[in-house]
Amino acid sequence: MDNFECINIAQAEQLIAEGAVVADIRDPQSYQESHIINAVHLSNDSLHEFTQSADMDAPLIICCYHGFSSQSAAGFLIQQGFDQVYSLDGGFELWQASRPDQCSSD
């Protein structure tokens, strides 16, 4: 895959069930308040460590607030060498509204 793909919540659930990593790029406070279960918080501060330790071949779902910022982040991560990168349509706001049981807080 040369580019990222936008996916809906049902597609994201399927990928997560198959072992996809979810990277949440929202601000730290929003992430701490609630995030998709097992999502990692990805920021400029953690980006280097994440790209060094992540499996570049594993599916990676990028989650932001509404599904817009995640698209540019997904494009950037493709450039860093990740093979399968997805942007979550509707972002965390839609996920939380439709899947509140699949959210967690720190």
PDB file of N, CA and C in Angstrom:
ATOM      1  N   MET A   1       0.853  -1.177   0.000  1.00  0.00           N
ATOM      2  CA  MET A   1       0.000   0.000   0.000  1.00  0.00           C
ATOM      3  C   MET A   1       0.893   1.233   0.000  1.00  0.00           C
ATOM      4  N   ASP A   2       0.750   2.060  -1.004  1.00  0.00           N
ATOM      5  CA  ASP A   2       1.576   3.259  -1.112  1.00  0.00           C
ATOM      6  C   ASP A   2       1.003   4.425  -0.326  1.00  0.00           C
ATOM      7  N   ASN A   3      -0.260   4.329   0.003  1.00  0.00           N
ATOM      8  CA  ASN A   3      -0.918   5.427   0.673  1.00  0.00           C
ATOM      9  C   ASN A   3      -1.792   4.875   1.781  1.00  0.00           C
ATOM     10  N   PHE A   4      -2.291   5.746   2.633  1.00  0.00           N
ATOM     11  CA  PHE A   4      -3.174   5.305   3.699  1.00  0.00           C
ATOM     12  C   PHE A   4      -4.591   5.169   3.157  1.00  0.00           C
ATOM     13  N   GLU A   5      -5.429   4.529   3.938  1.00  0.00           N
ATOM     14  CA  GLU A   5      -6.822   4.312   3.564  1.00  0.00           C
ATOM     15  C   GLU A   5      -7.711   4.815   4.699  1.00  0.00           C
ATOM     16  N   CYS A   6      -8.802   5.498   4.361  1.00  0.00           N
ATOM     17  CA  CYS A   6      -9.777   5.899   5.371  1.00  0.00           C
ATOM     18  C   CYS A   6     -10.730   4.734   5.598  1.00  0.00           C
ATOM     19  N   ILE A   7     -10.955   4.405   6.865  1.00  0.00           N
ATOM     20  CA  ILE A   7     -11.833   3.272   7.182  1.00  0.00           C
ATOM     21  C   ILE A   7     -12.899   3.694   8.184  1.00  0.00           C
ATOM     22  N   ASN A   8     -14.021   2.965   8.175  1.00  0.00           N
ATOM     23  CA  ASN A   8     -15.083   3.253   9.127  1.00  0.00           C
ATOM     24  C   ASN A   8     -14.874   2.451  10.409  1.00  0.00           C
ATOM     25  N   ILE A   9     -15.756   2.646  11.360  1.00  0.00           N
ATOM     26  CA  ILE A   9     -15.603   2.015  12.666  1.00  0.00           C
ATOM     27  C   ILE A   9     -15.660   0.493  12.561  1.00  0.00           C
ATOM     28  N   ALA A  10     -16.582  -0.041  11.762  1.00  0.00           N
ATOM     29  CA  ALA A  10     -16.688  -1.498  11.625  1.00  0.00           C
ATOM     30  C   ALA A  10     -15.403  -2.086  11.048  1.00  0.00           C
ATOM     31  N   GLN A  11     -14.822  -1.414  10.054  1.00  0.00           N
ATOM     32  CA  GLN A  11     -13.558  -1.885   9.480  1.00  0.00           C
ATOM     33  C   GLN A  11     -12.439  -1.806  10.522  1.00  0.00           C
ATOM     34  N   ALA A  12     -12.440  -0.735  11.316  1.00  0.00           N
ATOM     35  CA  ALA A  12     -11.420  -0.576  12.354  1.00  0.00           C
ATOM     36  C   ALA A  12     -11.551  -1.675  13.402  1.00  0.00           C
ATOM     37  N   GLU A  13     -12.777  -1.982  13.798  1.00  0.00           N
ATOM     38  CA  GLU A  13     -12.984  -3.061  14.772  1.00  0.00           C
ATOM     39  C   GLU A  13     -12.420  -4.379  14.263  1.00  0.00           C
ATOM     40  N   GLN A  14     -12.637  -4.660  12.991  1.00  0.00           N
ATOM     41  CA  GLN A  14     -12.140  -5.897  12.401  1.00  0.00           C
ATOM     42  C   GLN A  14     -10.606  -5.924  12.437  1.00  0.00           C
ATOM     43  N   LEU A  15      -9.983  -4.809  12.049  1.00  0.00           N
ATOM     44  CA  LEU A  15      -8.519  -4.736  12.063  1.00  0.00           C
ATOM     45  C   LEU A  15      -7.966  -4.869  13.473  1.00  0.00           C
ATOM     46  N   ILE A  16      -8.629  -4.242  14.443  1.00  0.00           N
ATOM     47  CA  ILE A  16      -8.183  -4.333  15.832  1.00  0.00           C
ATOM     48  C   ILE A  16      -8.277  -5.782  16.307  1.00  0.00           C
ATOM     49  N   ALA A  17      -9.362  -6.450  15.937  1.00  0.00           N
ATOM     50  CA  ALA A  17      -9.527  -7.865  16.306  1.00  0.00           C
ATOM     51  C   ALA A  17      -8.411  -8.722  15.711  1.00  0.00           C
ATOM     52  N   GLU A  18      -7.876  -8.282  14.579  1.00  0.00           N
ATOM     53  CA  GLU A  18      -6.794  -9.011  13.906  1.00  0.00           C
ATOM     54  C   GLU A  18      -5.414  -8.557  14.364  1.00  0.00           C
ATOM     55  N   GLY A  19      -5.360  -7.643  15.333  1.00  0.00           N
ATOM     56  CA  GLY A  19      -4.083  -7.243  15.908  1.00  0.00           C
ATOM     57  C   GLY A  19      -3.549  -5.891  15.491  1.00  0.00           C
ATOM     58  N   ALA A  20      -4.355  -5.065  14.846  1.00  0.00           N
ATOM     59  CA  ALA A  20      -3.894  -3.729  14.456  1.00  0.00           C
ATOM     60  C   ALA A  20      -3.581  -2.888  15.689  1.00  0.00           C
ATOM     61  N   VAL A  21      -2.625  -1.999  15.541  1.00  0.00           N
ATOM     62  CA  VAL A  21      -2.277  -1.039  16.581  1.00  0.00           C
ATOM     63  C   VAL A  21      -3.077   0.232  16.325  1.00  0.00           C
ATOM     64  N   VAL A  22      -3.627   0.828  17.393  1.00  0.00           N
ATOM     65  CA  VAL A  22      -4.319   2.114  17.285  1.00  0.00           C
ATOM     66  C   VAL A  22      -3.416   3.178  17.896  1.00  0.00           C
ATOM     67  N   ALA A  23      -3.129   4.222  17.117  1.00  0.00           N
ATOM     68  CA  ALA A  23      -2.339   5.349  17.605  1.00  0.00           C
ATOM     69  C   ALA A  23      -3.246   6.571  17.678  1.00  0.00           C
ATOM     70  N   ASP A  24      -3.384   7.117  18.867  1.00  0.00           N
ATOM     71  CA  ASP A  24      -4.244   8.271  19.129  1.00  0.00           C
ATOM     72  C   ASP A  24      -3.366   9.520  19.124  1.00  0.00           C
ATOM     73  N   ILE A  25      -3.670  10.470  18.238  1.00  0.00           N
ATOM     74  CA  ILE A  25      -2.824  11.658  18.112  1.00  0.00           C
ATOM     75  C   ILE A  25      -3.451  12.898  18.744  1.00  0.00           C
ATOM     76  N   ARG A  26      -4.514  12.716  19.525  1.00  0.00           N
ATOM     77  CA  ARG A  26      -5.126  13.863  20.195  1.00  0.00           C
ATOM     78  C   ARG A  26      -4.211  14.373  21.308  1.00  0.00           C
ATOM     79  N   ASP A  27      -4.569  15.500  21.908  1.00  0.00           N
ATOM     80  CA  ASP A  27      -3.722  16.060  22.961  1.00  0.00           C
ATOM     81  C   ASP A  27      -3.716  15.131  24.182  1.00  0.00           C
ATOM     82  N   PRO A  28      -2.660  15.220  25.000  1.00  0.00           N
ATOM     83  CA  PRO A  28      -2.511  14.289  26.126  1.00  0.00           C
ATOM     84  C   PRO A  28      -3.704  14.278  27.084  1.00  0.00           C
ATOM     85  N   GLN A  29      -4.275  15.438  27.361  1.00  0.00           N
ATOM     86  CA  GLN A  29      -5.402  15.495  28.305  1.00  0.00           C
ATOM     87  C   GLN A  29      -6.618  14.750  27.745  1.00  0.00           C
ATOM     88  N   SER A  30      -6.911  14.946  26.463  1.00  0.00           N
ATOM     89  CA  SER A  30      -8.043  14.244  25.844  1.00  0.00           C
ATOM     90  C   SER A  30      -7.806  12.745  25.851  1.00  0.00           C
ATOM     91  N   TYR A  31      -6.583  12.345  25.538  1.00  0.00           N
ATOM     92  CA  TYR A  31      -6.234  10.921  25.547  1.00  0.00           C
ATOM     93  C   TYR A  31      -6.432  10.327  26.940  1.00  0.00           C
ATOM     94  N   GLN A  32      -5.971  11.036  27.990  1.00  0.00           N
ATOM     95  CA  GLN A  32      -6.091  10.525  29.356  1.00  0.00           C
ATOM     96  C   GLN A  32      -7.545  10.420  29.783  1.00  0.00           C
ATOM     97  N   GLU A  33      -8.384  11.353  29.325  1.00  0.00           N
ATOM     98  CA  GLU A  33      -9.805  11.334  29.696  1.00  0.00           C
ATOM     99  C   GLU A  33     -10.490  10.095  29.127  1.00  0.00           C
ATOM    100  N   SER A  34     -10.188   9.759  27.876  1.00  0.00           N
ATOM    101  CA  SER A  34     -10.772   8.571  27.258  1.00  0.00           C
ATOM    102  C   SER A  34     -10.108   8.308  25.921  1.00  0.00           C
ATOM    103  N   HIS A  35      -9.937   7.022  25.607  1.00  0.00           N
ATOM    104  CA  HIS A  35      -9.351   6.614  24.332  1.00  0.00           C
ATOM    105  C   HIS A  35      -9.804   5.201  24.005  1.00  0.00           C
ATOM    106  N   ILE A  36      -9.576   4.789  22.780  1.00  0.00           N
ATOM    107  CA  ILE A  36      -9.884   3.422  22.385  1.00  0.00           C
ATOM    108  C   ILE A  36      -9.016   2.477  23.225  1.00  0.00           C
ATOM    109  N   ILE A  37      -9.622   1.425  23.741  1.00  0.00           N
ATOM    110  CA  ILE A  37      -8.893   0.473  24.582  1.00  0.00           C
ATOM    111  C   ILE A  37      -7.613   0.010  23.864  1.00  0.00           C
ATOM    112  N   ASN A  38      -6.513   0.038  24.595  1.00  0.00           N
ATOM    113  CA  ASN A  38      -5.178  -0.372  24.126  1.00  0.00           C
ATOM    114  C   ASN A  38      -4.537   0.581  23.113  1.00  0.00           C
ATOM    115  N   ALA A  39      -5.158   1.726  22.856  1.00  0.00           N
ATOM    116  CA  ALA A  39      -4.538   2.698  21.943  1.00  0.00           C
ATOM    117  C   ALA A  39      -3.282   3.278  22.584  1.00  0.00           C
ATOM    118  N   VAL A  40      -2.293   3.551  21.753  1.00  0.00           N
ATOM    119  CA  VAL A  40      -1.095   4.234  22.232  1.00  0.00           C
ATOM    120  C   VAL A  40      -1.233   5.715  21.918  1.00  0.00           C
ATOM    121  N   HIS A  41      -0.730   6.548  22.823  1.00  0.00           N
ATOM    122  CA  HIS A  41      -0.771   7.990  22.559  1.00  0.00           C
ATOM    123  C   HIS A  41       0.458   8.358  21.745  1.00  0.00           C
ATOM    124  N   LEU A  42       0.227   8.945  20.588  1.00  0.00           N
ATOM    125  CA  LEU A  42       1.324   9.306  19.703  1.00  0.00           C
ATOM    126  C   LEU A  42       1.394  10.825  19.593  1.00  0.00           C
ATOM    127  N   SER A  43       2.531  11.377  19.986  1.00  0.00           N
ATOM    128  CA  SER A  43       2.747  12.822  19.927  1.00  0.00           C
ATOM    129  C   SER A  43       4.123  13.081  19.322  1.00  0.00           C
ATOM    130  N   ASN A  44       4.433  14.332  19.120  1.00  0.00           N
ATOM    131  CA  ASN A  44       5.775  14.661  18.616  1.00  0.00           C
ATOM    132  C   ASN A  44       6.852  14.131  19.559  1.00  0.00           C
ATOM    133  N   ASP A  45       6.546  14.101  20.862  1.00  0.00           N
ATOM    134  CA  ASP A  45       7.513  13.633  21.854  1.00  0.00           C
ATOM    135  C   ASP A  45       7.738  12.124  21.790  1.00  0.00           C
ATOM    136  N   SER A  46       6.692  11.376  21.432  1.00  0.00           N
ATOM    137  CA  SER A  46       6.813   9.915  21.440  1.00  0.00           C
ATOM    138  C   SER A  46       7.010   9.322  20.049  1.00  0.00           C
ATOM    139  N   LEU A  47       6.987  10.151  19.032  1.00  0.00           N
ATOM    140  CA  LEU A  47       7.045   9.665  17.653  1.00  0.00           C
ATOM    141  C   LEU A  47       8.303   8.866  17.356  1.00  0.00           C
ATOM    142  N   HIS A  48       9.452   9.380  17.739  1.00  0.00           N
ATOM    143  CA  HIS A  48      10.717   8.702  17.428  1.00  0.00           C
ATOM    144  C   HIS A  48      10.758   7.318  18.071  1.00  0.00           C
ATOM    145  N   GLU A  49      10.427   7.256  19.356  1.00  0.00           N
ATOM    146  CA  GLU A  49      10.439   5.975  20.062  1.00  0.00           C
ATOM    147  C   GLU A  49       9.430   5.003  19.438  1.00  0.00           C
ATOM    148  N   PHE A  50       8.254   5.530  19.076  1.00  0.00           N
ATOM    149  CA  PHE A  50       7.225   4.683  18.477  1.00  0.00           C
ATOM    150  C   PHE A  50       7.705   4.090  17.151  1.00  0.00           C
ATOM    151  N   THR A  51       8.284   4.918  16.293  1.00  0.00           N
ATOM    152  CA  THR A  51       8.720   4.420  14.985  1.00  0.00           C
ATOM    153  C   THR A  51       9.892   3.453  15.123  1.00  0.00           C
ATOM    154  N   GLN A  52      10.686   3.605  16.176  1.00  0.00           N
ATOM    155  CA  GLN A  52      11.806   2.691  16.389  1.00  0.00           C
ATOM    156  C   GLN A  52      11.351   1.316  16.890  1.00  0.00           C
ATOM    157  N   SER A  53      10.283   1.293  17.677  1.00  0.00           N
ATOM    158  CA  SER A  53       9.878   0.038  18.317  1.00  0.00           C
ATOM    159  C   SER A  53       8.687  -0.639  17.630  1.00  0.00           C
ATOM    160  N   ALA A  54       7.980   0.073  16.774  1.00  0.00           N
ATOM    161  CA  ALA A  54       6.762  -0.482  16.173  1.00  0.00           C
ATOM    162  C   ALA A  54       7.069  -1.481  15.061  1.00  0.00           C
ATOM    163  N   ASP A  55       6.136  -2.379  14.851  1.00  0.00           N
ATOM    164  CA  ASP A  55       6.210  -3.334  13.747  1.00  0.00           C
ATOM    165  C   ASP A  55       5.700  -2.613  12.497  1.00  0.00           C
ATOM    166  N   MET A  56       6.607  -2.311  11.589  1.00  0.00           N
ATOM    167  CA  MET A  56       6.257  -1.538  10.388  1.00  0.00           C
ATOM    168  C   MET A  56       5.303  -2.290   9.463  1.00  0.00           C
ATOM    169  N   ASP A  57       5.213  -3.609   9.624  1.00  0.00           N
ATOM    170  CA  ASP A  57       4.347  -4.420   8.772  1.00  0.00           C
ATOM    171  C   ASP A  57       2.950  -4.615   9.344  1.00  0.00           C
ATOM    172  N   ALA A  58       2.772  -4.302  10.628  1.00  0.00           N
ATOM    173  CA  ALA A  58       1.463  -4.486  11.263  1.00  0.00           C
ATOM    174  C   ALA A  58       0.520  -3.354  10.870  1.00  0.00           C
ATOM    175  N   PRO A  59      -0.767  -3.642  10.748  1.00  0.00           N
ATOM    176  CA  PRO A  59      -1.730  -2.573  10.459  1.00  0.00           C
ATOM    177  C   PRO A  59      -1.714  -1.523  11.572  1.00  0.00           C
ATOM    178  N   LEU A  60      -1.800  -0.263  11.181  1.00  0.00           N
ATOM    179  CA  LEU A  60      -1.751   0.859  12.116  1.00  0.00           C
ATOM    180  C   LEU A  60      -2.933   1.781  11.825  1.00  0.00           C
ATOM    181  N   ILE A  61      -3.770   1.992  12.834  1.00  0.00           N
ATOM    182  CA  ILE A  61      -4.940   2.865  12.695  1.00  0.00           C
ATOM    183  C   ILE A  61      -4.653   4.167  13.433  1.00  0.00           C
ATOM    184  N   ILE A  62      -4.784   5.282  12.739  1.00  0.00           N
ATOM    185  CA  ILE A  62      -4.555   6.591  13.341  1.00  0.00           C
ATOM    186  C   ILE A  62      -5.901   7.197  13.708  1.00  0.00           C
ATOM    187  N   CYS A  63      -5.987   7.663  14.940  1.00  0.00           N
ATOM    188  CA  CYS A  63      -7.230   8.224  15.471  1.00  0.00           C
ATOM    189  C   CYS A  63      -6.969   9.643  15.957  1.00  0.00           C
ATOM    190  N   CYS A  64      -7.812  10.595  15.521  1.00  0.00           N
ATOM    191  CA  CYS A  64      -7.743  11.967  16.033  1.00  0.00           C
ATOM    192  C   CYS A  64      -9.131  12.311  16.580  1.00  0.00           C
ATOM    193  N   TYR A  65      -9.499  13.580  16.594  1.00  0.00           N
ATOM    194  CA  TYR A  65     -10.807  13.972  17.125  1.00  0.00           C
ATOM    195  C   TYR A  65     -11.947  13.597  16.175  1.00  0.00           C
ATOM    196  N   HIS A  66     -11.844  14.028  14.912  1.00  0.00           N
ATOM    197  CA  HIS A  66     -12.952  13.869  13.974  1.00  0.00           C
ATOM    198  C   HIS A  66     -12.580  13.175  12.667  1.00  0.00           C
ATOM    199  N   GLY A  67     -11.337  12.738  12.533  1.00  0.00           N
ATOM    200  CA  GLY A  67     -10.931  12.009  11.336  1.00  0.00           C
ATOM    201  C   GLY A  67     -10.250  12.843  10.271  1.00  0.00           C
ATOM    202  N   PHE A  68      -9.847  14.065  10.610  1.00  0.00           N
ATOM    203  CA  PHE A  68      -9.182  14.927   9.623  1.00  0.00           C
ATOM    204  C   PHE A  68      -7.676  14.985   9.842  1.00  0.00           C
ATOM    205  N   SER A  69      -7.241  15.319  11.045  1.00  0.00           N
ATOM    206  CA  SER A  69      -5.808  15.386  11.349  1.00  0.00           C
ATOM    207  C   SER A  69      -5.139  14.029  11.173  1.00  0.00           C
ATOM    208  N   SER A  70      -5.903  12.975  11.413  1.00  0.00           N
ATOM    209  CA  SER A  70      -5.343  11.626  11.288  1.00  0.00           C
ATOM    210  C   SER A  70      -4.918  11.329   9.855  1.00  0.00           C
ATOM    211  N   GLN A  71      -5.540  12.002   8.888  1.00  0.00           N
ATOM    212  CA  GLN A  71      -5.176  11.739   7.495  1.00  0.00           C
ATOM    213  C   GLN A  71      -3.761  12.227   7.189  1.00  0.00           C
ATOM    214  N   SER A  72      -3.411  13.417   7.654  1.00  0.00           N
ATOM    215  CA  SER A  72      -2.044  13.896   7.401  1.00  0.00           C
ATOM    216  C   SER A  72      -1.040  13.089   8.217  1.00  0.00           C
ATOM    217  N   ALA A  73      -1.421  12.694   9.434  1.00  0.00           N
ATOM    218  CA  ALA A  73      -0.528  11.855  10.244  1.00  0.00           C
ATOM    219  C   ALA A  73      -0.325  10.495   9.573  1.00  0.00           C
ATOM    220  N   ALA A  74      -1.384   9.937   9.011  1.00  0.00           N
ATOM    221  CA  ALA A  74      -1.286   8.642   8.322  1.00  0.00           C
ATOM    222  C   ALA A  74      -0.350   8.751   7.122  1.00  0.00           C
ATOM    223  N   GLY A  75      -0.481   9.823   6.363  1.00  0.00           N
ATOM    224  CA  GLY A  75       0.406  10.039   5.224  1.00  0.00           C
ATOM    225  C   GLY A  75       1.857  10.138   5.659  1.00  0.00           C
ATOM    226  N   PHE A  76       2.092  10.831   6.772  1.00  0.00           N
ATOM    227  CA  PHE A  76       3.445  10.969   7.305  1.00  0.00           C
ATOM    228  C   PHE A  76       4.010   9.606   7.713  1.00  0.00           C
ATOM    229  N   LEU A  77       3.189   8.785   8.368  1.00  0.00           N
ATOM    230  CA  LEU A  77       3.675   7.483   8.839  1.00  0.00           C
ATOM    231  C   LEU A  77       3.947   6.529   7.678  1.00  0.00           C
ATOM    232  N   ILE A  78       3.204   6.664   6.594  1.00  0.00           N
ATOM    233  CA  ILE A  78       3.515   5.895   5.379  1.00  0.00           C
ATOM    234  C   ILE A  78       4.936   6.260   4.921  1.00  0.00           C
ATOM    235  N   GLN A  79       5.233   7.561   4.941  1.00  0.00           N
ATOM    236  CA  GLN A  79       6.566   8.032   4.523  1.00  0.00           C
ATOM    237  C   GLN A  79       7.659   7.507   5.448  1.00  0.00           C
ATOM    238  N   GLN A  80       7.310   7.211   6.710  1.00  0.00           N
ATOM    239  CA  GLN A  80       8.292   6.697   7.670  1.00  0.00           C
ATOM    240  C   GLN A  80       8.547   5.204   7.494  1.00  0.00           C
ATOM    241  N   GLY A  81       7.762   4.560   6.631  1.00  0.00           N
ATOM    242  CA  GLY A  81       8.017   3.156   6.347  1.00  0.00           C
ATOM    243  C   GLY A  81       6.944   2.175   6.786  1.00  0.00           C
ATOM    244  N   PHE A  82       5.864   2.680   7.377  1.00  0.00           N
ATOM    245  CA  PHE A  82       4.773   1.776   7.752  1.00  0.00           C
ATOM    246  C   PHE A  82       4.053   1.319   6.489  1.00  0.00           C
ATOM    247  N   ASP A  83       3.693   0.029   6.451  1.00  0.00           N
ATOM    248  CA  ASP A  83       3.084  -0.551   5.249  1.00  0.00           C
ATOM    249  C   ASP A  83       1.577  -0.360   5.165  1.00  0.00           C
ATOM    250  N   GLN A  84       0.889  -0.578   6.274  1.00  0.00           N
ATOM    251  CA  GLN A  84      -0.573  -0.545   6.275  1.00  0.00           C
ATOM    252  C   GLN A  84      -1.046   0.497   7.284  1.00  0.00           C
ATOM    253  N   VAL A  85      -1.387   1.686   6.801  1.00  0.00           N
ATOM    254  CA  VAL A  85      -1.817   2.759   7.694  1.00  0.00           C
ATOM    255  C   VAL A  85      -3.238   3.173   7.318  1.00  0.00           C
ATOM    256  N   TYR A  86      -4.054   3.338   8.352  1.00  0.00           N
ATOM    257  CA  TYR A  86      -5.463   3.669   8.155  1.00  0.00           C
ATOM    258  C   TYR A  86      -5.830   4.887   8.994  1.00  0.00           C
ATOM    259  N   SER A  87      -6.698   5.726   8.451  1.00  0.00           N
ATOM    260  CA  SER A  87      -7.241   6.865   9.173  1.00  0.00           C
ATOM    261  C   SER A  87      -8.679   6.531   9.557  1.00  0.00           C
ATOM    262  N   LEU A  88      -9.024   6.716  10.823  1.00  0.00           N
ATOM    263  CA  LEU A  88     -10.360   6.373  11.319  1.00  0.00           C
ATOM    264  C   LEU A  88     -11.353   7.482  10.989  1.00  0.00           C
ATOM    265  N   ASP A  89     -12.282   7.197  10.079  1.00  0.00           N
ATOM    266  CA  ASP A  89     -13.327   8.162   9.730  1.00  0.00           C
ATOM    267  C   ASP A  89     -14.155   8.510  10.962  1.00  0.00           C
ATOM    268  N   GLY A  90     -14.393   9.791  11.168  1.00  0.00           N
ATOM    269  CA  GLY A  90     -15.183  10.228  12.315  1.00  0.00           C
ATOM    270  C   GLY A  90     -14.371  10.370  13.586  1.00  0.00           C
ATOM    271  N   GLY A  91     -13.155   9.832  13.575  1.00  0.00           N
ATOM    272  CA  GLY A  91     -12.250   9.972  14.700  1.00  0.00           C
ATOM    273  C   GLY A  91     -12.789   9.415  16.004  1.00  0.00           C
ATOM    274  N   PHE A  92     -12.152   9.841  17.094  1.00  0.00           N
ATOM    275  CA  PHE A  92     -12.536   9.325  18.405  1.00  0.00           C
ATOM    276  C   PHE A  92     -13.945   9.759  18.787  1.00  0.00           C
ATOM    277  N   GLU A  93     -14.367  10.938  18.350  1.00  0.00           N
ATOM    278  CA  GLU A  93     -15.702  11.418  18.711  1.00  0.00           C
ATOM    279  C   GLU A  93     -16.777  10.438  18.246  1.00  0.00           C
ATOM    280  N   LEU A  94     -16.682   9.983  17.012  1.00  0.00           N
ATOM    281  CA  LEU A  94     -17.656   9.027  16.488  1.00  0.00           C
ATOM    282  C   LEU A  94     -17.497   7.661  17.155  1.00  0.00           C
ATOM    283  N   TRP A  95     -16.248   7.244  17.369  1.00  0.00           N
ATOM    284  CA  TRP A  95     -15.995   5.958  18.034  1.00  0.00           C
ATOM    285  C   TRP A  95     -16.634   5.958  19.425  1.00  0.00           C
ATOM    286  N   GLN A  96     -16.382   7.015  20.199  1.00  0.00           N
ATOM    287  CA  GLN A  96     -16.900   7.091  21.567  1.00  0.00           C
ATOM    288  C   GLN A  96     -18.429   7.114  21.578  1.00  0.00           C
ATOM    289  N   ALA A  97     -19.017   7.795  20.598  1.00  0.00           N
ATOM    290  CA  ALA A  97     -20.479   7.871  20.528  1.00  0.00           C
ATOM    291  C   ALA A  97     -21.097   6.517  20.183  1.00  0.00           C
ATOM    292  N   SER A  98     -20.424   5.743  19.361  1.00  0.00           N
ATOM    293  CA  SER A  98     -21.003   4.476  18.904  1.00  0.00           C
ATOM    294  C   SER A  98     -20.457   3.252  19.629  1.00  0.00           C
ATOM    295  N   ARG A  99     -19.289   3.377  20.267  1.00  0.00           N
ATOM    296  CA  ARG A  99     -18.669   2.241  20.962  1.00  0.00           C
ATOM    297  C   ARG A  99     -18.168   2.644  22.355  1.00  0.00           C
ATOM    298  N   PRO A 100     -19.037   3.193  23.193  1.00  0.00           N
ATOM    299  CA  PRO A 100     -18.562   3.666  24.516  1.00  0.00           C
ATOM    300  C   PRO A 100     -17.969   2.542  25.365  1.00  0.00           C
ATOM    301  N   ASP A 101     -18.394   1.311  25.129  1.00  0.00           N
ATOM    302  CA  ASP A 101     -17.865   0.178  25.904  1.00  0.00           C
ATOM    303  C   ASP A 101     -16.453  -0.191  25.479  1.00  0.00           C
ATOM    304  N   GLN A 102     -15.983   0.375  24.369  1.00  0.00           N
ATOM    305  CA  GLN A 102     -14.631   0.078  23.876  1.00  0.00           C
ATOM    306  C   GLN A 102     -13.700   1.273  24.087  1.00  0.00           C
ATOM    307  N   CYS A 103     -14.004   2.055  25.120  1.00  0.00           N
ATOM    308  CA  CYS A 103     -13.167   3.204  25.470  1.00  0.00           C
ATOM    309  C   CYS A 103     -12.634   3.016  26.880  1.00  0.00           C
ATOM    310  N   SER A 104     -11.494   3.617  27.138  1.00  0.00           N
ATOM    311  CA  SER A 104     -10.816   3.483  28.420  1.00  0.00           C
ATOM    312  C   SER A 104     -10.235   4.817  28.818  1.00  0.00           C
ATOM    313  N   SER A 105      -9.999   4.997  30.105  1.00  0.00           N
ATOM    314  CA  SER A 105      -9.335   6.212  30.568  1.00  0.00           C
ATOM    315  C   SER A 105      -8.128   5.814  31.404  1.00  0.00           C
ATOM    316  N   ASP A 106      -7.186   6.725  31.524  1.00  0.00           N
ATOM    317  CA  ASP A 106      -5.983   6.439  32.326  1.00  0.00           C
ATOM    318  C   ASP A 106      -6.194   6.885  33.764  1.00  0.00           C
TER     319      ASP A 106
END
